[in-house]
Amino acid sequence: MAVYTRIYESDLSLIEKNFQIGKILSFSGIKKGIENTNYLIRTNNKKIILTIFEKRVLKKDLPFFMDLMFGLSKQKIKCPEPLKNRKGKYLFKIKKKTACLVSFLEGNDKVKLTNKDCYTVGKNVALLHLAAKKLKLYRKNSLSVNSWGALLNRIDKRINRLSSNLINIMKNDLFDIRAKWPKDMPNGIIHSDLFIDNIFFYKNRYYGFIDFYFSANDFLAYELATCVNALCFKKGIKFLC
């Protein structure tokens, strides 16, 4: 369940007043996702997504995400495009939280990717990286190697039931990874969260990427590593792509 913030018709009337989106006919919460609250809004002429940012997304990072999606959209990269209100602003307040509206992207995620799907995703990741090079934007990757120690410290010791001394093994591995972390590799803006539910297909063909709220500047290989770990294995831990 990912609807953390409840909204009502009175909230929508303020959105309708401040955005040129037509008359709102209906709205419904979107259960998929774990970080932010999302609603599908239907107007008399379009569908749009309302995203309400919850605690994990920092307010200072929001302009980067908005400018990135807008810039990519203008370069024909299929992704949600943020909408400006009548004052020319992307961000606004609802229920005392920061929110935005973005265009609706057709399609859904696929339960299982084929080799051809993986190739197509890889091709479009490359197109995203090339398009992002033209944007003068920067955000440090908050989930790069320096953040992993804090995440590791939060893991419950009960995980050792899976394998004896697993936490200490992971700590030793992290020490080794930090020591060998590369200093100079091709870098740029990456999506950084290309798990299967953030890749949309429409009529069984790749259609676009969603959820850019972990995007940042980092090694391009970081993106590839995320994709391999998230997309290229199926049940039984067999390599797919």
Protein backbone atom coordinates (compact mmCIF):
# COMPACT_ATOMS: atom_id res chain seq x y z
CA MET A 1 0.00 0.00 0.00
CA ALA A 2 1.51 3.33 -1.04
CA VAL A 3 -1.29 5.80 -0.34
CA TYR A 4 0.03 7.43 2.81
CA THR A 5 -1.77 10.76 2.44
CA ARG A 6 -5.54 10.86 1.92
CA ILE A 7 -7.04 13.60 -0.23
CA TYR A 8 -10.63 14.69 -0.82
CA GLU A 9 -12.69 16.60 -3.37
CA SER A 10 -11.94 19.88 -1.61
CA ASP A 11 -8.23 19.30 -2.23
CA LEU A 12 -8.89 18.61 -5.89
CA SER A 13 -10.84 21.83 -6.32
CA LEU A 14 -7.69 23.76 -5.39
CA ILE A 15 -5.70 21.79 -7.97
CA GLU A 16 -8.34 22.42 -10.61
CA LYS A 17 -8.25 26.13 -9.80
CA ASN A 18 -4.46 26.45 -9.97
CA PHE A 19 -3.69 24.23 -12.98
CA GLN A 20 -5.02 24.39 -16.53
CA ILE A 21 -5.99 20.74 -16.66
CA GLY A 22 -9.72 20.90 -17.36
CA LYS A 23 -12.48 19.71 -15.06
CA ILE A 24 -11.55 16.88 -12.69
CA LEU A 25 -14.00 14.00 -13.04
CA SER A 26 -12.51 11.36 -10.71
CA PHE A 27 -9.42 10.35 -8.75
CA SER A 28 -8.09 7.14 -7.25
CA GLY A 29 -5.08 6.12 -5.17
CA ILE A 30 -2.32 4.04 -6.76
CA LYS A 31 -1.24 1.18 -4.51
CA LYS A 32 2.01 0.36 -6.29
CA GLY A 33 5.19 1.99 -5.04
CA ILE A 34 6.63 2.41 -1.57
CA GLU A 35 8.15 5.90 -1.29
CA ASN A 36 5.52 8.50 -2.22
CA THR A 37 1.75 8.81 -2.42
CA ASN A 38 0.34 8.75 -5.95
CA TYR A 39 -3.13 9.38 -7.33
CA LEU A 40 -4.51 8.94 -10.83
CA ILE A 41 -6.64 11.96 -11.72
CA ARG A 42 -9.05 11.90 -14.67
CA THR A 43 -10.20 15.18 -16.18
CA ASN A 44 -12.54 15.84 -19.07
CA ASN A 45 -9.62 15.80 -21.50
CA LYS A 46 -6.68 13.91 -19.98
CA LYS A 47 -5.26 11.66 -17.27
CA ILE A 48 -2.56 12.95 -14.93
CA ILE A 49 -0.66 11.73 -11.89
CA LEU A 50 -0.60 13.57 -8.57
CA THR A 51 2.51 12.75 -6.52
CA ILE A 52 2.69 13.74 -2.87
CA PHE A 53 6.24 13.53 -1.56
CA GLU A 54 6.62 11.72 1.74
CA LYS A 55 9.51 11.77 4.21
CA ARG A 56 12.30 10.08 2.24
CA VAL A 57 12.46 12.58 -0.62
CA LEU A 58 14.28 15.78 0.42
CA LYS A 59 12.63 19.07 -0.51
CA LYS A 60 15.95 20.50 -1.76
CA ASP A 61 16.18 17.73 -4.38
CA LEU A 62 12.74 18.30 -5.91
CA PRO A 63 13.74 21.05 -8.39
CA PHE A 64 16.38 18.69 -9.82
CA PHE A 65 13.80 15.95 -10.39
CA MET A 66 11.30 18.36 -11.98
CA ASP A 67 13.89 19.93 -14.31
CA LEU A 68 15.25 16.52 -15.26
CA MET A 69 11.88 15.06 -16.27
CA PHE A 70 10.95 18.25 -18.12
CA GLY A 71 14.29 18.33 -19.96
CA LEU A 72 14.15 14.66 -20.91
CA SER A 73 10.55 14.98 -22.12
CA LYS A 74 11.53 17.84 -24.41
CA GLN A 75 14.17 15.56 -25.94
CA LYS A 76 11.60 12.87 -26.75
CA ILE A 77 12.54 10.57 -23.86
CA LYS A 78 9.33 8.85 -22.81
CA CYS A 79 8.80 9.76 -19.17
CA PRO A 80 6.31 11.73 -17.06
CA GLU A 81 6.48 15.48 -17.74
CA PRO A 82 5.83 17.79 -14.76
CA LEU A 83 3.02 20.30 -15.23
CA LYS A 84 3.29 23.97 -14.28
CA ASN A 85 0.53 25.77 -12.39
CA ARG A 86 -0.83 29.18 -13.40
CA LYS A 87 2.12 30.83 -11.64
CA GLY A 88 4.64 28.80 -13.65
CA LYS A 89 5.61 26.55 -10.72
CA TYR A 90 5.88 22.75 -10.69
CA LEU A 91 5.63 22.29 -6.92
CA PHE A 92 2.75 23.12 -4.60
CA LYS A 93 1.39 22.22 -1.18
CA ILE A 94 -1.37 19.76 -0.40
CA LYS A 95 -2.13 18.48 3.11
CA LYS A 96 0.95 20.48 4.26
CA LYS A 97 3.16 18.34 2.03
CA THR A 98 4.95 19.18 -1.21
CA ALA A 99 3.36 17.75 -4.35
CA CYS A 100 3.46 17.89 -8.13
CA LEU A 101 1.39 16.90 -11.14
CA VAL A 102 2.96 14.95 -14.02
CA SER A 103 1.64 13.70 -17.32
CA PHE A 104 0.19 10.20 -17.45
CA LEU A 105 2.34 7.55 -19.11
CA GLU A 106 0.46 4.78 -20.90
CA GLY A 107 1.16 1.14 -20.12
CA ASN A 108 2.20 -0.98 -17.16
CA ASP A 109 5.23 -2.83 -15.88
CA LYS A 110 5.71 -6.42 -17.07
CA VAL A 111 5.86 -9.36 -14.70
CA LYS A 112 8.59 -11.01 -16.74
CA LEU A 113 11.06 -9.58 -19.25
CA THR A 114 12.30 -11.44 -22.31
CA ASN A 115 15.83 -11.17 -23.69
CA LYS A 116 14.44 -8.80 -26.34
CA ASP A 117 12.83 -6.66 -23.64
CA CYS A 118 16.16 -6.41 -21.79
CA TYR A 119 17.89 -5.32 -24.99
CA THR A 120 15.24 -2.66 -25.59
CA VAL A 121 15.50 -1.39 -22.02
CA GLY A 122 19.29 -1.18 -22.34
CA LYS A 123 18.98 0.77 -25.60
CA ASN A 124 16.60 3.26 -24.02
CA VAL A 125 18.76 3.62 -20.92
CA ALA A 126 21.55 4.69 -23.29
CA LEU A 127 19.25 7.20 -25.00
CA LEU A 128 18.31 8.59 -21.58
CA HIS A 129 21.99 9.02 -20.67
CA LEU A 130 22.77 10.76 -23.95
CA ALA A 131 19.80 13.11 -23.57
CA ALA A 132 20.71 13.89 -19.96
CA LYS A 133 24.20 15.00 -21.07
CA LYS A 134 22.57 18.06 -22.61
CA LEU A 135 21.07 19.14 -19.28
CA LYS A 136 23.12 21.27 -16.91
CA LEU A 137 21.86 19.63 -13.74
CA TYR A 138 23.61 18.02 -10.80
CA ARG A 139 22.57 15.98 -7.78
CA LYS A 140 24.93 13.79 -5.74
CA ASN A 141 23.83 10.16 -5.57
CA SER A 142 22.52 9.68 -2.03
CA LEU A 143 22.55 5.91 -2.49
CA SER A 144 26.14 5.48 -3.62
CA VAL A 145 28.82 3.53 -1.76
CA ASN A 146 29.22 6.02 1.11
CA SER A 147 25.60 5.47 2.18
CA TRP A 148 25.77 1.69 2.35
CA GLY A 149 27.34 1.48 5.79
CA ALA A 150 24.39 3.22 7.42
CA LEU A 151 21.98 0.94 5.56
CA LEU A 152 23.94 -2.13 6.63
CA ASN A 153 23.85 -1.03 10.28
CA ARG A 154 20.05 -0.97 10.14
CA ILE A 155 19.77 -4.65 9.14
CA ASP A 156 18.33 -6.79 11.91
CA LYS A 157 20.70 -9.46 13.25
CA ARG A 158 18.02 -12.06 12.61
CA ILE A 159 19.25 -12.07 9.00
CA ASN A 160 22.04 -14.34 10.27
CA ARG A 161 19.42 -17.10 10.30
CA LEU A 162 19.73 -17.16 6.51
CA SER A 163 23.45 -17.79 6.67
CA SER A 164 25.79 -18.02 9.62
CA ASN A 165 27.57 -14.73 10.40
CA LEU A 166 26.00 -13.04 7.36
CA ILE A 167 26.14 -9.50 8.74
CA ASN A 168 29.88 -9.71 9.40
CA ILE A 169 30.41 -11.16 5.94
CA MET A 170 28.55 -8.20 4.42
CA LYS A 171 30.56 -5.73 6.51
CA ASN A 172 33.81 -7.29 5.30
CA ASP A 173 32.55 -7.18 1.71
CA LEU A 174 31.63 -3.52 2.07
CA PHE A 175 35.11 -2.73 3.39
CA ASP A 176 36.59 -4.44 0.33
CA ILE A 177 34.18 -2.65 -2.05
CA ARG A 178 35.06 0.75 -0.58
CA ALA A 179 38.77 0.04 -0.95
CA LYS A 180 38.34 -0.93 -4.61
CA TRP A 181 35.65 1.62 -5.59
CA PRO A 182 36.71 3.22 -8.89
CA LYS A 183 37.67 6.88 -9.06
CA ASP A 184 37.39 7.65 -12.75
CA MET A 185 34.69 6.11 -14.92
CA PRO A 186 32.25 7.57 -17.47
CA ASN A 187 29.58 9.42 -15.53
CA GLY A 188 26.47 11.51 -15.98
CA ILE A 189 22.85 11.69 -14.88
CA ILE A 190 21.36 8.26 -14.23
CA HIS A 191 17.83 7.13 -13.36
CA SER A 192 19.27 5.06 -10.50
CA ASP A 193 16.06 3.13 -9.76
CA LEU A 194 15.31 1.08 -12.86
CA PHE A 195 13.57 -1.80 -11.20
CA ILE A 196 10.93 -3.63 -13.18
CA ASP A 197 8.01 -1.59 -11.80
CA ASN A 198 9.56 1.65 -13.11
CA ILE A 199 9.71 0.43 -16.72
CA PHE A 200 6.45 0.65 -18.65
CA PHE A 201 5.33 -1.41 -21.63
CA TYR A 202 2.29 -0.63 -23.77
CA LYS A 203 0.76 -3.21 -26.10
CA ASN A 204 3.67 -5.48 -25.19
CA ARG A 205 6.29 -2.94 -26.37
CA TYR A 206 8.58 -0.74 -24.32
CA TYR A 207 6.95 2.65 -23.72
CA GLY A 208 8.91 4.62 -21.10
CA PHE A 209 10.46 5.08 -17.65
CA ILE A 210 8.74 6.44 -14.54
CA ASP A 211 9.71 7.41 -10.97
CA PHE A 212 12.80 9.59 -11.32
CA TYR A 213 13.00 10.46 -7.62
CA PHE A 214 16.33 8.72 -7.02
CA SER A 215 17.97 10.15 -10.15
CA ALA A 216 21.43 11.59 -9.65
CA ASN A 217 24.88 12.08 -11.14
CA ASP A 218 27.09 8.99 -10.87
CA PHE A 219 28.97 6.39 -12.89
CA LEU A 220 26.94 5.14 -15.85
CA ALA A 221 28.07 1.65 -14.83
CA TYR A 222 26.09 2.11 -11.59
CA GLU A 223 22.94 2.25 -13.75
CA LEU A 224 23.94 -0.90 -15.61
CA ALA A 225 24.67 -2.73 -12.38
CA THR A 226 21.25 -1.77 -11.02
CA CYS A 227 19.57 -3.04 -14.19
CA VAL A 228 21.43 -6.34 -14.13
CA ASN A 229 20.58 -6.97 -10.48
CA ALA A 230 16.96 -5.86 -10.85
CA LEU A 231 16.00 -7.22 -14.26
CA CYS A 232 18.25 -10.04 -15.41
CA PHE A 233 17.38 -12.83 -13.01
CA LYS A 234 14.31 -14.97 -12.71
CA LYS A 235 13.10 -17.52 -10.22
CA GLY A 236 15.83 -20.00 -9.50
CA ILE A 237 18.56 -17.34 -9.86
CA LYS A 238 19.14 -18.10 -13.55
CA PHE A 239 20.68 -15.39 -15.68
CA LEU A 240 18.07 -14.14 -18.15
CA CYS A 241 19.51 -11.29 -20.24
